[in-house]
C-alpha atoms as a PDB file:
ATOM      1  CA  MET A   1      28.224  12.792  25.287  1.00  0.00           C
ATOM      2  CA  ILE A   2      26.081   9.682  25.676  1.00  0.00           C
ATOM      3  CA  ALA A   3      22.864   9.558  23.667  1.00  0.00           C
ATOM      4  CA  ALA A   4      19.685   8.236  25.256  1.00  0.00           C
ATOM      5  CA  LEU A   5      18.103   5.303  23.490  1.00  0.00           C
ATOM      6  CA  ASP A   6      14.316   5.098  23.365  1.00  0.00           C
ATOM      7  CA  THR A   7      13.823   1.320  23.402  1.00  0.00           C
ATOM      8  CA  GLY A   8      10.034   1.615  23.117  1.00  0.00           C
ATOM      9  CA  ALA A   9      10.321   3.563  19.879  1.00  0.00           C
ATOM     10  CA  LEU A  10      12.934   1.111  18.613  1.00  0.00           C
ATOM     11  CA  ARG A  11      10.620  -1.848  19.316  1.00  0.00           C
ATOM     12  CA  GLU A  12       7.794  -0.059  17.540  1.00  0.00           C
ATOM     13  CA  LEU A  13      10.028   0.536  14.531  1.00  0.00           C
ATOM     14  CA  ILE A  14      10.982  -3.151  14.395  1.00  0.00           C
ATOM     15  CA  TRP A  15       7.395  -4.222  13.681  1.00  0.00           C
ATOM     16  CA  ALA A  16       5.944  -1.069  12.084  1.00  0.00           C
ATOM     17  CA  ALA A  17       8.479  -0.652   9.277  1.00  0.00           C
ATOM     18  CA  PRO A  18       8.126  -4.171   7.814  1.00  0.00           C
ATOM     19  CA  LEU A  19       4.338  -3.916   8.112  1.00  0.00           C
ATOM     20  CA  ALA A  20       4.327  -0.610   6.238  1.00  0.00           C
ATOM     21  CA  VAL A  21       6.565  -2.032   3.513  1.00  0.00           C
ATOM     22  CA  LEU A  22       4.302  -5.062   3.157  1.00  0.00           C
ATOM     23  CA  VAL A  23       1.108  -2.987   2.926  1.00  0.00           C
ATOM     24  CA  VAL A  24       2.530  -0.559   0.367  1.00  0.00           C
ATOM     25  CA  THR A  25       4.037  -3.358  -1.737  1.00  0.00           C
ATOM     26  CA  VAL A  26       0.854  -5.445  -1.774  1.00  0.00           C
ATOM     27  CA  ALA A  27      -1.284  -2.388  -2.544  1.00  0.00           C
ATOM     28  CA  TRP A  28       0.889  -1.329  -5.473  1.00  0.00           C
ATOM     29  CA  GLY A  29       0.991  -4.923  -6.703  1.00  0.00           C
ATOM     30  CA  MET A  30      -2.797  -4.978  -6.703  1.00  0.00           C
ATOM     31  CA  VAL A  31      -2.848  -1.778  -8.784  1.00  0.00           C
ATOM     32  CA  VAL A  32      -0.430  -3.150 -11.374  1.00  0.00           C
ATOM     33  CA  HIS A  33      -2.013  -6.622 -11.513  1.00  0.00           C
ATOM     34  CA  GLY A  34      -5.574  -5.326 -11.688  1.00  0.00           C
ATOM     35  CA  ALA A  35      -4.854  -2.673 -14.297  1.00  0.00           C
ATOM     36  CA  THR A  36      -2.900  -4.934 -16.623  1.00  0.00           C
ATOM     37  CA  ARG A  37      -5.357  -7.809 -16.367  1.00  0.00           C
ATOM     38  CA  ALA A  38      -8.308  -5.440 -16.855  1.00  0.00           C
ATOM     39  CA  ALA A  39      -6.755  -4.078 -20.040  1.00  0.00           C
ATOM     40  CA  GLU A  40      -6.028  -7.584 -21.286  1.00  0.00           C
ATOM     41  CA  ALA A  41      -9.540  -8.824 -20.514  1.00  0.00           C
ATOM     42  CA  SER A  42     -11.059  -5.751 -22.125  1.00  0.00           C
ATOM     43  CA  ARG A  43      -9.107  -6.372 -25.333  1.00  0.00           C
ATOM     44  CA  ASP A  44     -10.323  -9.964 -25.344  1.00  0.00           C
ATOM     45  CA  GLY A  45     -13.941  -8.841 -25.009  1.00  0.00           C
ATOM     46  CA  ARG A  46     -14.436 -10.141 -21.471  1.00  0.00           C
ATOM     47  CA  GLY A  47     -16.189  -7.138 -19.977  1.00  0.00           C
ATOM     48  CA  ARG A  48     -17.248  -8.661 -16.657  1.00  0.00           C
ATOM     49  CA  THR A  49     -13.764 -10.001 -15.943  1.00  0.00           C
ATOM     50  CA  ALA A  50     -12.257  -6.648 -16.927  1.00  0.00           C
ATOM     51  CA  GLY A  51     -14.592  -4.933 -14.485  1.00  0.00           C
ATOM     52  CA  LEU A  52     -13.578  -7.225 -11.649  1.00  0.00           C
ATOM     53  CA  TYR A  53      -9.900  -6.604 -12.326  1.00  0.00           C
ATOM     54  CA  ALA A  54     -10.589  -2.866 -12.468  1.00  0.00           C
ATOM     55  CA  VAL A  55     -12.183  -3.110  -9.020  1.00  0.00           C
ATOM     56  CA  GLU A  56      -9.041  -4.872  -7.796  1.00  0.00           C
ATOM     57  CA  ALA A  57      -6.893  -2.066  -9.215  1.00  0.00           C
ATOM     58  CA  LEU A  58      -9.110   0.552  -7.609  1.00  0.00           C
ATOM     59  CA  ALA A  59      -9.011  -1.188  -4.237  1.00  0.00           C
ATOM     60  CA  GLY A  60      -5.228  -1.346  -4.436  1.00  0.00           C
ATOM     61  CA  ALA A  61      -5.046   2.335  -5.343  1.00  0.00           C
ATOM     62  CA  VAL A  62      -7.238   3.284  -2.388  1.00  0.00           C
ATOM     63  CA  MET A  63      -5.151   1.126  -0.066  1.00  0.00           C
ATOM     64  CA  PHE A  64      -1.920   2.616  -1.462  1.00  0.00           C
ATOM     65  CA  ALA A  65      -3.154   6.185  -1.111  1.00  0.00           C
ATOM     66  CA  GLY A  66      -4.419   5.460   2.401  1.00  0.00           C
ATOM     67  CA  ALA A  67      -1.044   4.083   3.435  1.00  0.00           C
ATOM     68  CA  ILE A  68       0.694   7.183   2.095  1.00  0.00           C
ATOM     69  CA  VAL A  69      -1.721   9.507   3.905  1.00  0.00           C
ATOM     70  CA  VAL A  70      -1.364   7.595   7.179  1.00  0.00           C
ATOM     71  CA  GLY A  71       2.413   7.684   6.849  1.00  0.00           C
ATOM     72  CA  LEU A  72       2.406  11.421   6.245  1.00  0.00           C
ATOM     73  CA  LEU A  73       0.093  12.010   9.191  1.00  0.00           C
ATOM     74  CA  ILE A  74       2.316   9.955  11.469  1.00  0.00           C
ATOM     75  CA  MET A  75       5.427  11.804  10.319  1.00  0.00           C
ATOM     76  CA  THR A  76       3.900  15.225  10.867  1.00  0.00           C
ATOM     77  CA  THR A  77       2.302  14.531  14.265  1.00  0.00           C
ATOM     78  CA  LYS A  78       5.122  12.667  16.053  1.00  0.00           C
ATOM     79  CA  SER A  79       7.828  14.666  17.696  1.00  0.00           C
END
């Protein structure tokens, strides 16, 4: 039996998968970088800098969670 190949879906996968990997990796990197630098700055008594790094970590966490939610929605709605 010969299987049909959906070239449109294959083309979409070629650009969507690397983009998803990039977004998730950058988002998680922001979480790790922001959290560790915020803790370090807080220990050194640099409250304003610690706050800015905490905002970076929070933005990364929101971006990471959003990417996961979008991925789950795509997986459950596509047939």
